[in-house]
């Protein structure tokens, strides 16, 4: 029975013990996948059992006390090609960035649950702030890693079949195998696959995949078989950082050293309690503000909160902790903000000072 299950899961995920992109000259590559650049402890099976037991005994997470319902999206605005930068929060890590005439979507998850099945698993607290059918034509999709709350097959499939042709999908090493298995041989100009610190061009936009501390898996058998990371997008002088999921590590310092500041950053602020279990996987709001400051981001937005109950803090706790962290670290009002689901904010344009990149 165990062998049958293993074979079935292997058939779904490809061979989890063979890294088709393996490069022995790169320290973060392994024959079966990838590893973080800066070693850190990871929770054990006993830790997971302890967390689940404590969570159940303490009736966590508590229900939110604030209204987190979505606001009606400004569809007339988002359906226009925006030259000046604007961002709309759809939920969790899914946002629509509009800049320089491009419509860019991050980690698209529009399904009811972030799960391999739709009858179980974490369920949305409210619907997406913008329905998939109401989106403008998407030009570019940035996917940070393959966890189910970041990579949703139904959502990617709908985007692949959008009117006017599929967007360009930018993914990490190993995720290209998943994409090709699901959608066949994508046109070369519709799939960008990058390793850490690699860059590629998509029209006027330059994309760079950057290392962050996290991990990947879609089954019990493919842990770290595909790469994970954050994205840097540069277009018409505007520089954007998308964190994906991350625990705080020296990777942040390394990114800051290679890029001379950011015009806008989307940084996770949720899914951080209990710290003894989550600290190496997800930053808390105080660390998010520290990342904002280290990256010299002119404006940042908190993501990865308020949509799915994943950890022990209430769904509405991250913005409260973020406000306190901003005050403690001396940020100006509005420098690091959150949006309601469906809300749009027009961003400050690209800095007048030219950016430099030293990769």
Protein backbone atom coordinates (compact mmCIF):
# COMPACT_ATOMS: atom_id res chain seq x y z
CA UNK A 1 0.00 0.00 0.00
CA UNK A 2 2.77 2.43 0.93
CA UNK A 3 4.62 1.66 -2.31
CA UNK A 4 1.43 2.19 -4.32
CA UNK A 5 0.89 5.57 -2.68
CA UNK A 6 4.52 6.53 -3.25
CA UNK A 7 4.32 5.59 -6.91
CA UNK A 8 1.06 7.52 -7.32
CA UNK A 9 2.49 10.63 -5.73
CA UNK A 10 5.65 10.32 -7.78
CA UNK A 11 3.55 10.13 -10.93
CA UNK A 12 1.81 13.35 -9.93
CA UNK A 13 4.96 15.25 -9.06
CA UNK A 14 7.58 13.84 -11.40
CA UNK A 15 10.68 12.17 -9.98
CA UNK A 16 11.26 14.02 -6.69
CA UNK A 17 14.72 12.47 -6.36
CA UNK A 18 16.15 13.89 -9.59
CA UNK A 19 16.86 17.58 -10.10
CA UNK A 20 16.81 18.07 -13.88
CA UNK A 21 18.49 21.47 -13.37
CA UNK A 22 21.24 20.16 -11.08
CA UNK A 23 24.49 22.11 -11.29
CA UNK A 24 27.21 20.70 -9.04
CA UNK A 25 28.97 24.06 -9.12
CA UNK A 26 26.11 25.79 -7.28
CA UNK A 27 25.98 25.28 -3.52
CA UNK A 28 22.19 25.62 -3.29
CA UNK A 29 21.64 22.79 -5.82
CA UNK A 30 21.37 19.17 -4.74
CA UNK A 31 20.90 16.09 -6.97
CA UNK A 32 17.29 15.87 -5.74
CA UNK A 33 16.43 19.56 -5.48
CA UNK A 34 17.57 22.70 -3.70
CA UNK A 35 18.51 24.07 -0.29
CA UNK A 36 18.72 27.44 1.42
CA UNK A 37 21.94 29.44 1.19
CA UNK A 38 22.15 30.00 4.96
CA UNK A 39 21.54 26.84 7.03
CA UNK A 40 18.87 27.01 9.70
CA UNK A 41 16.91 24.58 11.80
CA UNK A 42 13.66 23.27 10.45
CA UNK A 43 10.68 21.95 12.47
CA UNK A 44 10.60 18.22 13.02
CA UNK A 45 7.61 15.90 12.89
CA UNK A 46 7.48 16.10 16.68
CA UNK A 47 7.42 19.91 16.46
CA UNK A 48 4.51 19.71 14.05
CA UNK A 49 2.59 17.39 16.38
CA UNK A 50 3.32 19.70 19.32
CA UNK A 51 2.09 22.75 17.40
CA UNK A 52 -1.12 21.03 16.32
CA UNK A 53 -1.79 19.82 19.86
CA UNK A 54 -1.20 23.27 21.38
CA UNK A 55 -3.29 24.90 18.66
CA UNK A 56 -6.21 22.59 19.41
CA UNK A 57 -5.88 22.87 23.19
CA UNK A 58 -5.78 26.68 23.10
CA UNK A 59 -8.55 27.02 20.49
CA UNK A 60 -6.33 28.90 18.07
CA UNK A 61 -6.52 30.95 16.01
CA UNK A 62 -9.05 33.31 17.61
CA UNK A 63 -11.68 34.75 15.27
CA UNK A 64 -11.01 38.19 13.82
CA UNK A 65 -12.77 41.11 15.52
CA UNK A 66 -12.39 43.61 12.67
CA UNK A 67 -14.27 43.72 9.38
CA UNK A 68 -12.05 42.14 6.71
CA UNK A 69 -14.66 42.00 3.97
CA UNK A 70 -13.66 43.05 0.48
CA UNK A 71 -14.45 46.44 -0.99
CA UNK A 72 -15.95 46.78 -4.45
CA UNK A 73 -13.02 46.95 -6.89
CA UNK A 74 -12.69 49.90 -9.24
CA UNK A 75 -13.05 47.83 -12.41
CA UNK A 76 -13.15 50.86 -14.69
CA UNK A 77 -9.71 51.82 -13.38
CA UNK A 78 -8.02 48.42 -13.43
CA UNK A 79 -9.30 47.56 -16.90
CA UNK A 80 -7.37 50.50 -18.31
CA UNK A 81 -3.70 50.25 -19.23
CA UNK A 82 -2.05 52.24 -16.44
CA UNK A 83 1.14 54.14 -17.15
CA UNK A 84 1.67 55.35 -13.60
CA UNK A 85 2.08 52.51 -11.07
CA UNK A 86 -0.94 51.22 -9.15
CA UNK A 87 -1.58 48.11 -7.06
CA UNK A 88 -4.79 46.22 -6.31
CA UNK A 89 -4.89 43.60 -3.56
CA UNK A 90 -6.83 40.51 -4.59
CA UNK A 91 -5.98 38.53 -1.45
CA UNK A 92 -3.17 36.68 0.33
CA UNK A 93 -0.12 36.92 -1.99
CA UNK A 94 -2.16 37.71 -5.10
CA UNK A 95 -1.92 41.31 -6.23
CA UNK A 96 -2.33 43.12 -9.51
CA UNK A 97 0.49 45.54 -10.24
CA UNK A 98 -0.11 47.92 -13.13
CA UNK A 99 2.87 49.91 -14.34
CA UNK A 100 4.21 51.15 -17.68
CA UNK A 101 1.17 49.75 -19.49
CA UNK A 102 1.72 46.22 -18.10
CA UNK A 103 -0.71 44.12 -16.03
CA UNK A 104 1.31 41.93 -13.67
CA UNK A 105 -0.16 39.30 -11.34
CA UNK A 106 1.66 37.65 -8.43
CA UNK A 107 1.07 34.15 -7.01
CA UNK A 108 -2.45 33.82 -8.45
CA UNK A 109 -4.82 31.93 -6.13
CA UNK A 110 -8.52 32.45 -6.85
CA UNK A 111 -9.88 29.08 -5.68
CA UNK A 112 -12.05 28.63 -2.60
CA UNK A 113 -9.35 26.63 -0.80
CA UNK A 114 -5.55 26.58 -0.94
CA UNK A 115 -5.33 22.83 -1.05
CA UNK A 116 -4.77 19.93 -3.45
CA UNK A 117 -8.55 19.29 -3.17
CA UNK A 118 -11.49 21.68 -2.91
CA UNK A 119 -13.43 19.75 -0.25
CA UNK A 120 -10.80 20.17 2.49
CA UNK A 121 -7.98 22.46 3.49
CA UNK A 122 -7.75 26.17 4.38
CA UNK A 123 -10.81 28.02 3.11
CA UNK A 124 -11.08 31.67 2.10
CA UNK A 125 -12.35 34.07 4.72
CA UNK A 126 -13.79 36.16 1.86
CA UNK A 127 -13.81 35.91 -1.95
CA UNK A 128 -11.01 37.36 -4.08
CA UNK A 129 -11.04 41.15 -4.15
CA UNK A 130 -11.24 40.97 -7.94
CA UNK A 131 -12.82 37.96 -9.62
CA UNK A 132 -10.67 36.18 -12.15
CA UNK A 133 -13.25 36.93 -14.84
CA UNK A 134 -13.04 40.66 -14.05
CA UNK A 135 -9.28 40.96 -14.51
CA UNK A 136 -7.83 42.88 -17.41
CA UNK A 137 -5.67 40.93 -19.85
CA UNK A 138 -2.68 39.78 -17.79
CA UNK A 139 0.71 40.23 -19.44
CA UNK A 140 2.98 38.66 -16.83
CA UNK A 141 2.54 36.26 -13.89
CA UNK A 142 5.20 36.00 -11.19
CA UNK A 143 5.12 32.76 -9.16
CA UNK A 144 7.36 32.56 -6.10
CA UNK A 145 7.11 28.85 -5.23
CA UNK A 146 4.83 25.85 -5.40
CA UNK A 147 2.96 25.80 -2.07
CA UNK A 148 -0.79 25.59 -2.59
CA UNK A 149 -1.45 29.08 -1.24
CA UNK A 150 0.89 30.43 -3.96
CA UNK A 151 0.45 28.06 -6.90
CA UNK A 152 -3.14 27.08 -7.70
CA UNK A 153 -3.67 24.90 -10.76
CA UNK A 154 -7.24 26.08 -11.47
CA UNK A 155 -6.19 29.73 -11.39
CA UNK A 156 -3.09 29.22 -13.55
CA UNK A 157 -5.16 27.17 -16.00
CA UNK A 158 -7.74 29.96 -16.36
CA UNK A 159 -4.99 32.51 -16.94
CA UNK A 160 -3.37 30.25 -19.50
CA UNK A 161 -6.66 30.19 -21.41
CA UNK A 162 -7.41 33.92 -21.08
CA UNK A 163 -8.79 35.72 -24.11
CA UNK A 164 -6.02 37.12 -26.24
CA UNK A 165 -3.51 34.41 -25.37
CA UNK A 166 -1.64 33.31 -22.25
CA UNK A 167 0.49 35.64 -20.19
CA UNK A 168 4.20 35.15 -19.68
CA UNK A 169 4.70 32.89 -16.65
CA UNK A 170 7.89 33.53 -14.66
CA UNK A 171 8.78 30.58 -12.42
CA UNK A 172 11.65 29.07 -10.48
CA UNK A 173 13.81 26.13 -11.49
CA UNK A 174 11.83 22.90 -11.38
CA UNK A 175 8.46 24.60 -11.63
CA UNK A 176 8.92 24.67 -15.40
CA UNK A 177 8.60 20.87 -15.33
CA UNK A 178 5.22 21.22 -13.57
CA UNK A 179 4.08 23.89 -16.05
CA UNK A 180 5.01 21.82 -19.09
CA UNK A 181 3.37 18.71 -17.65
CA UNK A 182 0.14 20.61 -17.01
CA UNK A 183 0.01 22.75 -20.15
CA UNK A 184 2.20 21.03 -22.70
CA UNK A 185 5.12 22.64 -24.44
CA UNK A 186 4.51 26.32 -23.81
CA UNK A 187 5.83 28.76 -26.40
CA UNK A 188 9.37 29.80 -25.50
CA UNK A 189 8.31 33.40 -25.05
CA UNK A 190 5.56 32.45 -22.56
CA UNK A 191 7.68 30.68 -19.94
CA UNK A 192 10.65 32.18 -18.09
CA UNK A 193 12.52 29.85 -15.74
CA UNK A 194 15.24 31.29 -13.53
CA UNK A 195 17.71 30.28 -10.85
CA UNK A 196 18.65 32.62 -8.00
CA UNK A 197 20.31 35.82 -9.25
CA UNK A 198 19.47 35.06 -12.87
CA UNK A 199 17.71 37.71 -14.96
CA UNK A 200 15.58 37.66 -18.10
CA UNK A 201 13.78 40.16 -20.27
CA UNK A 202 10.03 40.17 -20.89
CA UNK A 203 9.22 43.02 -23.22
CA UNK A 204 10.36 46.20 -21.51
CA UNK A 205 10.54 44.50 -18.10
CA UNK A 206 13.68 42.96 -16.58
CA UNK A 207 13.01 40.11 -14.14
CA UNK A 208 15.47 38.82 -11.55
CA UNK A 209 14.80 35.84 -9.30
CA UNK A 210 16.34 36.36 -5.85
CA UNK A 211 17.02 34.00 -2.94
CA UNK A 212 14.92 34.02 0.20
CA UNK A 213 14.76 31.57 3.09
CA UNK A 214 11.87 29.15 2.64
CA UNK A 215 11.14 25.74 1.14
CA UNK A 216 8.86 24.01 -1.37
CA UNK A 217 6.58 20.96 -1.62
CA UNK A 218 3.27 19.86 -3.11
CA UNK A 219 3.30 16.26 -1.86
CA UNK A 220 5.00 14.35 0.98
CA UNK A 221 7.61 13.14 -1.51
CA UNK A 222 8.85 16.30 -3.22
CA UNK A 223 10.10 18.57 -0.47
CA UNK A 224 12.54 21.15 -1.95
CA UNK A 225 12.41 19.45 -5.36
CA UNK A 226 11.68 22.86 -6.93
CA UNK A 227 13.23 26.21 -6.11
CA UNK A 228 11.58 29.09 -4.21
CA UNK A 229 12.38 32.79 -4.03
CA UNK A 230 11.36 36.39 -4.50
CA UNK A 231 11.09 38.50 -7.65
CA UNK A 232 12.57 41.83 -8.66
CA UNK A 233 10.88 43.55 -11.60
CA UNK A 234 12.32 46.64 -13.27
CA UNK A 235 10.46 48.54 -15.98
CA UNK A 236 10.78 52.13 -17.20
CA UNK A 237 12.82 53.11 -14.14
CA UNK A 238 10.37 51.54 -11.65
CA UNK A 239 11.75 48.79 -9.42
CA UNK A 240 9.44 46.34 -7.58
CA UNK A 241 10.25 43.61 -5.04
CA UNK A 242 7.87 40.70 -4.42
CA UNK A 243 8.85 38.68 -1.37
CA UNK A 244 6.94 35.45 -1.90
CA UNK A 245 7.28 33.59 1.42
CA UNK A 246 10.36 34.11 3.55
CA UNK A 247 11.90 33.76 6.95
CA UNK A 248 14.35 36.48 7.88
CA UNK A 249 17.90 35.66 6.76
CA UNK A 250 21.06 37.24 5.37
CA UNK A 251 19.48 36.84 1.93
CA UNK A 252 17.77 40.18 2.58
CA UNK A 253 21.14 41.88 3.06
CA UNK A 254 22.41 40.26 -0.13
CA UNK A 255 19.44 41.56 -2.13
CA UNK A 256 19.92 45.04 -0.66
CA UNK A 257 23.58 45.02 -1.69
CA UNK A 258 22.76 44.16 -5.31
CA UNK A 259 19.95 46.64 -5.85
CA UNK A 260 20.06 50.32 -5.07
CA UNK A 261 16.66 50.61 -3.41
CA UNK A 262 13.10 49.86 -4.54
CA UNK A 263 10.17 52.02 -5.53
CA UNK A 264 7.66 49.50 -4.19
CA UNK A 265 7.82 46.23 -2.27
CA UNK A 266 5.14 43.65 -1.45
CA UNK A 267 6.28 41.91 1.74
CA UNK A 268 4.59 39.15 3.73
CA UNK A 269 3.33 40.17 7.17
CA UNK A 270 1.17 37.19 8.19
CA UNK A 271 1.28 33.50 9.17
CA UNK A 272 3.93 34.01 11.87
CA UNK A 273 2.65 32.48 15.11
CA UNK A 274 3.85 30.58 17.06
CA UNK A 275 7.32 32.02 16.54
CA UNK A 276 9.11 28.91 17.80
CA UNK A 277 7.59 27.01 14.87
CA UNK A 278 7.22 29.68 12.16
CA UNK A 279 10.25 31.93 12.57
CA UNK A 280 12.38 30.23 9.90
CA UNK A 281 9.49 30.09 7.41
CA UNK A 282 7.56 33.36 7.71
CA UNK A 283 8.58 36.79 8.96
CA UNK A 284 6.51 38.64 11.54
CA UNK A 285 5.52 42.30 11.02
CA UNK A 286 8.54 43.65 12.92
CA UNK A 287 10.84 41.68 10.61
CA UNK A 288 8.79 42.81 7.60
CA UNK A 289 9.42 46.45 8.54
CA UNK A 290 13.11 45.65 9.01
CA UNK A 291 13.18 44.16 5.49
CA UNK A 292 11.46 47.27 4.13
CA UNK A 293 14.15 49.42 5.71
CA UNK A 294 17.07 47.21 4.65
CA UNK A 295 15.86 47.12 1.05
CA UNK A 296 15.43 50.90 1.10
CA UNK A 297 11.92 50.60 -0.27
CA UNK A 298 10.18 53.93 -0.75
CA UNK A 299 6.78 52.33 -0.12
CA UNK A 300 5.76 48.81 0.88
CA UNK A 301 2.55 46.85 1.16
CA UNK A 302 1.77 44.01 3.54
CA UNK A 303 0.59 40.77 1.92
CA UNK A 304 0.13 37.13 3.02
CA UNK A 305 -2.53 37.90 5.65
CA UNK A 306 -6.29 38.17 6.10
CA UNK A 307 -7.38 35.59 3.52
CA UNK A 308 -6.61 32.06 4.74
CA UNK A 309 -6.28 30.92 8.37
CA UNK A 310 -2.89 29.21 8.26
CA UNK A 311 -1.30 29.82 11.68
CA UNK A 312 -2.16 30.86 15.24
CA UNK A 313 -2.63 34.62 15.03
CA UNK A 314 -6.06 36.01 14.22
CA UNK A 315 -6.62 37.04 10.62
CA UNK A 316 -6.78 40.70 11.62
CA UNK A 317 -3.71 40.66 13.91
CA UNK A 318 -0.97 41.30 11.30
CA UNK A 319 -2.05 44.88 10.44
CA UNK A 320 -2.18 45.74 14.14
CA UNK A 321 1.30 44.35 14.73
CA UNK A 322 2.49 46.09 11.56
CA UNK A 323 1.25 49.47 12.80
CA UNK A 324 3.13 48.97 16.05
CA UNK A 325 6.30 47.89 14.24
CA UNK A 326 6.12 50.94 11.95
CA UNK A 327 5.83 53.20 14.99
CA UNK A 328 8.64 51.41 16.83
CA UNK A 329 10.98 51.66 13.83
CA UNK A 330 10.13 55.25 12.97
CA UNK A 331 8.40 54.86 9.61
CA UNK A 332 6.40 57.73 8.21
CA UNK A 333 2.63 57.37 7.97
CA UNK A 334 1.66 55.39 4.86
CA UNK A 335 5.20 54.28 4.12
CA UNK A 336 4.26 50.64 4.83
CA UNK A 337 0.54 50.11 4.26
CA UNK A 338 -2.13 47.44 3.94
CA UNK A 339 -5.16 47.37 1.65
CA UNK A 340 -8.61 45.85 1.88
CA UNK A 341 -9.36 43.01 -0.52
CA UNK A 342 -10.30 44.65 -3.80
CA UNK A 343 -8.81 48.03 -2.90
CA UNK A 344 -6.53 49.87 -5.32
CA UNK A 345 -3.81 52.36 -4.47
CA UNK A 346 -1.99 54.60 -6.92
CA UNK A 347 1.70 54.42 -6.06
CA UNK A 348 4.40 57.04 -6.14
CA UNK A 349 6.09 57.03 -9.56
CA UNK A 350 9.64 55.87 -10.14
CA UNK A 351 12.27 57.76 -8.20
CA UNK A 352 13.88 60.63 -10.06
CA UNK A 353 17.25 59.21 -9.01
CA UNK A 354 18.42 56.47 -11.34
CA UNK A 355 18.71 52.96 -9.94
CA UNK A 356 21.80 50.86 -10.35
CA UNK A 357 22.20 47.10 -10.30
CA UNK A 358 25.42 45.34 -9.45
CA UNK A 359 24.66 41.71 -10.20
